[in-house]
Every structure is written in C-alpha cells, then in structure tokens.
C-alpha cells in the first residue's frame, strides 16, 4: 500500500506583501515550479515564490478542507499562523529541499486549536 502525503502551503513574495495558499502532494516539486515561474497565473504575476508555511496531511479531503479554512482567514490571521512557526518569514524551500521552520520540541508545544 502506497502512503500518500498532502500539503497545504503558504507562499509569499520577497517583501511579504502578498500571500497565496495552495495544496500539493509534492511540496518540493511545487516550490520549484513556483520559483521557476512554471505555474501560470497569480503566483507568477505577483512573484509569489517564497515558502513561508506548510502543514502535512494523510488525506486529501482533510487537506482541501484546511486549505479552504486558511483561504477564508483574514490577512491578520494568516500572518499569525505563519508567525507562530516562522516569525522571520524565511524561505523554507532551499534548492529542492524543504526546511522545517521549528525544532521538534517547538512543534510539540503548538496547540493546533489555537491556530
């Protein structure tokens, strides 16, 4: 049985003035596509290619539900979500690799109900 993983991710631009929320089953590939402007539309037009936040899921339906929830958030709530794990808004994608924004002990201390 093949294990499937899905990601909800948030990208921003160089100056952190634009945020974009998306879903993928291959976060490194999708970030590469955004960085190289292979995804036409919003992210290409607004130079949105900096990975600032992501969540991992086992089931696509839960992933899509979470994406819709985040897309419905105010800009402030999206910023709060990002700031909890990546307060410097560093790019979590680096040359084909995804960096974890927090240490394992920091991740264990996050209450998902507070996000």
C-alpha atoms as a PDB file:
ATOM      1  CA  UNK A   1       0.000   0.000   0.000  1.00  0.00           C
ATOM      2  CA  UNK A   2       1.391   3.371  -1.028  1.00  0.00           C
ATOM      3  CA  UNK A   3       1.363   6.144   1.563  1.00  0.00           C
ATOM      4  CA  UNK A   4       0.132   9.468   0.249  1.00  0.00           C
ATOM      5  CA  UNK A   5       1.091  12.781   1.785  1.00  0.00           C
ATOM      6  CA  UNK A   6      -0.520  16.106   1.048  1.00  0.00           C
ATOM      7  CA  UNK A   7       0.460  19.644   1.942  1.00  0.00           C
ATOM      8  CA  UNK A   8      -1.305  22.922   2.496  1.00  0.00           C
ATOM      9  CA  UNK A   9       1.241  25.648   1.937  1.00  0.00           C
ATOM     10  CA  UNK A  10       1.513  29.406   2.065  1.00  0.00           C
ATOM     11  CA  UNK A  11       3.811  31.332  -0.236  1.00  0.00           C
ATOM     12  CA  UNK A  12       4.722  34.985  -0.076  1.00  0.00           C
ATOM     13  CA  UNK A  13       6.719  37.395  -2.193  1.00  0.00           C
ATOM     14  CA  UNK A  14      10.092  38.976  -1.445  1.00  0.00           C
ATOM     15  CA  UNK A  15       8.588  41.839   0.606  1.00  0.00           C
ATOM     16  CA  UNK A  16       5.902  39.687   2.296  1.00  0.00           C
ATOM     17  CA  UNK A  17       3.131  41.873   0.895  1.00  0.00           C
ATOM     18  CA  UNK A  18       1.263  39.047  -0.851  1.00  0.00           C
ATOM     19  CA  UNK A  19       0.271  35.610   0.452  1.00  0.00           C
ATOM     20  CA  UNK A  20      -1.014  32.631  -1.505  1.00  0.00           C
ATOM     21  CA  UNK A  21      -2.421  29.386  -0.121  1.00  0.00           C
ATOM     22  CA  UNK A  22      -2.296  26.156  -2.104  1.00  0.00           C
ATOM     23  CA  UNK A  23      -2.419  22.344  -1.935  1.00  0.00           C
ATOM     24  CA  UNK A  24       0.009  19.801  -3.385  1.00  0.00           C
ATOM     25  CA  UNK A  25       1.147  16.218  -2.991  1.00  0.00           C
ATOM     26  CA  UNK A  26       4.799  17.151  -3.631  1.00  0.00           C
ATOM     27  CA  UNK A  27       5.858  20.314  -1.858  1.00  0.00           C
ATOM     28  CA  UNK A  28       9.438  20.428  -3.165  1.00  0.00           C
ATOM     29  CA  UNK A  29       8.280  20.000  -6.769  1.00  0.00           C
ATOM     30  CA  UNK A  30       5.581  22.639  -6.391  1.00  0.00           C
ATOM     31  CA  UNK A  31       8.008  25.139  -4.840  1.00  0.00           C
ATOM     32  CA  UNK A  32      10.426  24.516  -7.715  1.00  0.00           C
ATOM     33  CA  UNK A  33       7.582  25.193 -10.169  1.00  0.00           C
ATOM     34  CA  UNK A  34       6.704  28.465  -8.419  1.00  0.00           C
ATOM     35  CA  UNK A  35      10.371  29.577  -8.210  1.00  0.00           C
ATOM     36  CA  UNK A  36      10.819  28.968 -11.931  1.00  0.00           C
ATOM     37  CA  UNK A  37       7.500  30.604 -12.879  1.00  0.00           C
ATOM     38  CA  UNK A  38       6.176  27.341 -14.325  1.00  0.00           C
ATOM     39  CA  UNK A  39       2.790  27.920 -12.630  1.00  0.00           C
ATOM     40  CA  UNK A  40       0.929  30.495 -14.676  1.00  0.00           C
ATOM     41  CA  UNK A  41      -1.416  32.982 -13.069  1.00  0.00           C
ATOM     42  CA  UNK A  42      -1.472  34.698  -9.688  1.00  0.00           C
ATOM     43  CA  UNK A  43       1.830  33.476  -8.256  1.00  0.00           C
ATOM     44  CA  UNK A  44       3.698  34.236 -11.473  1.00  0.00           C
ATOM     45  CA  UNK A  45       2.105  37.685 -11.850  1.00  0.00           C
ATOM     46  CA  UNK A  46       2.871  38.733  -8.262  1.00  0.00           C
ATOM     47  CA  UNK A  47       6.273  36.990  -7.890  1.00  0.00           C
ATOM     48  CA  UNK A  48       4.960  34.775  -5.114  1.00  0.00           C
ATOM     49  CA  UNK A  49       7.554  32.037  -4.691  1.00  0.00           C
ATOM     50  CA  UNK A  50       8.786  32.072  -1.078  1.00  0.00           C
ATOM     51  CA  UNK A  51       7.544  29.152   1.028  1.00  0.00           C
ATOM     52  CA  UNK A  52       6.758  30.563   4.481  1.00  0.00           C
ATOM     53  CA  UNK A  53       4.387  27.960   5.938  1.00  0.00           C
ATOM     54  CA  UNK A  54       3.115  24.426   5.370  1.00  0.00           C
ATOM     55  CA  UNK A  55       1.101  21.672   7.025  1.00  0.00           C
ATOM     56  CA  UNK A  56       1.223  17.952   6.248  1.00  0.00           C
ATOM     57  CA  UNK A  57      -1.813  15.645   5.910  1.00  0.00           C
ATOM     58  CA  UNK A  58      -2.541  11.982   5.198  1.00  0.00           C
ATOM     59  CA  UNK A  59      -5.874  12.529   3.452  1.00  0.00           C
ATOM     60  CA  UNK A  60      -6.661  14.830   0.545  1.00  0.00           C
ATOM     61  CA  UNK A  61     -10.148  15.689   1.812  1.00  0.00           C
ATOM     62  CA  UNK A  62      -8.718  16.993   5.105  1.00  0.00           C
ATOM     63  CA  UNK A  63      -6.045  18.872   3.180  1.00  0.00           C
ATOM     64  CA  UNK A  64      -8.583  20.612   0.959  1.00  0.00           C
ATOM     65  CA  UNK A  65     -10.772  21.422   3.952  1.00  0.00           C
ATOM     66  CA  UNK A  66      -7.801  23.036   5.710  1.00  0.00           C
ATOM     67  CA  UNK A  67      -6.825  24.963   2.570  1.00  0.00           C
ATOM     68  CA  UNK A  68     -10.339  26.406   2.326  1.00  0.00           C
ATOM     69  CA  UNK A  69     -10.264  27.288   6.018  1.00  0.00           C
ATOM     70  CA  UNK A  70      -6.959  29.158   5.666  1.00  0.00           C
ATOM     71  CA  UNK A  71      -8.110  30.885   2.471  1.00  0.00           C
ATOM     72  CA  UNK A  72     -11.090  32.164   4.457  1.00  0.00           C
ATOM     73  CA  UNK A  73      -8.841  33.694   7.128  1.00  0.00           C
ATOM     74  CA  UNK A  74      -8.206  37.409   7.298  1.00  0.00           C
ATOM     75  CA  UNK A  75      -4.754  38.597   6.324  1.00  0.00           C
ATOM     76  CA  UNK A  76      -4.006  39.130  10.044  1.00  0.00           C
ATOM     77  CA  UNK A  77      -4.978  35.563  10.933  1.00  0.00           C
ATOM     78  CA  UNK A  78      -2.796  34.195   8.106  1.00  0.00           C
ATOM     79  CA  UNK A  79       0.113  36.301   9.361  1.00  0.00           C
ATOM     80  CA  UNK A  80      -0.442  35.000  12.908  1.00  0.00           C
ATOM     81  CA  UNK A  81      -0.407  31.421  11.609  1.00  0.00           C
ATOM     82  CA  UNK A  82       2.882  31.985   9.776  1.00  0.00           C
ATOM     83  CA  UNK A  83       4.441  33.911  12.686  1.00  0.00           C
ATOM     84  CA  UNK A  84       3.815  31.048  15.133  1.00  0.00           C
ATOM     85  CA  UNK A  85       6.247  28.816  13.251  1.00  0.00           C
ATOM     86  CA  UNK A  86       8.258  31.166  11.026  1.00  0.00           C
ATOM     87  CA  UNK A  87       8.378  34.624  12.587  1.00  0.00           C
ATOM     88  CA  UNK A  88      11.198  35.755  10.261  1.00  0.00           C
ATOM     89  CA  UNK A  89       9.258  34.628   7.176  1.00  0.00           C
ATOM     90  CA  UNK A  90      12.359  32.844   5.883  1.00  0.00           C
ATOM     91  CA  UNK A  91      12.054  30.775   2.722  1.00  0.00           C
ATOM     92  CA  UNK A  92      11.541  27.174   3.829  1.00  0.00           C
ATOM     93  CA  UNK A  93      12.445  25.896   0.353  1.00  0.00           C
ATOM     94  CA  UNK A  94      16.130  25.702  -0.499  1.00  0.00           C
ATOM     95  CA  UNK A  95      17.487  24.056  -3.647  1.00  0.00           C
ATOM     96  CA  UNK A  96      14.981  21.224  -3.765  1.00  0.00           C
ATOM     97  CA  UNK A  97      14.806  20.706  -0.007  1.00  0.00           C
ATOM     98  CA  UNK A  98      12.129  21.739   2.463  1.00  0.00           C
ATOM     99  CA  UNK A  99      13.353  23.107   5.798  1.00  0.00           C
ATOM    100  CA  UNK A 100      11.365  22.680   8.987  1.00  0.00           C
ATOM    101  CA  UNK A 101      10.662  26.095  10.493  1.00  0.00           C
ATOM    102  CA  UNK A 102      10.747  24.825  14.089  1.00  0.00           C
ATOM    103  CA  UNK A 103      12.601  22.248  16.103  1.00  0.00           C
ATOM    104  CA  UNK A 104      10.753  19.066  17.089  1.00  0.00           C
ATOM    105  CA  UNK A 105      10.331  20.277  20.684  1.00  0.00           C
ATOM    106  CA  UNK A 106       8.836  23.566  19.495  1.00  0.00           C
ATOM    107  CA  UNK A 107       6.412  21.721  17.226  1.00  0.00           C
ATOM    108  CA  UNK A 108       5.209  19.524  20.115  1.00  0.00           C
ATOM    109  CA  UNK A 109       4.309  22.654  22.092  1.00  0.00           C
ATOM    110  CA  UNK A 110       1.975  24.077  19.450  1.00  0.00           C
ATOM    111  CA  UNK A 111      -1.700  23.718  20.255  1.00  0.00           C
ATOM    112  CA  UNK A 112      -3.495  23.237  16.907  1.00  0.00           C
ATOM    113  CA  UNK A 113      -6.725  24.563  18.449  1.00  0.00           C
ATOM    114  CA  UNK A 114      -5.049  27.925  18.948  1.00  0.00           C
ATOM    115  CA  UNK A 115      -4.141  28.284  15.261  1.00  0.00           C
END
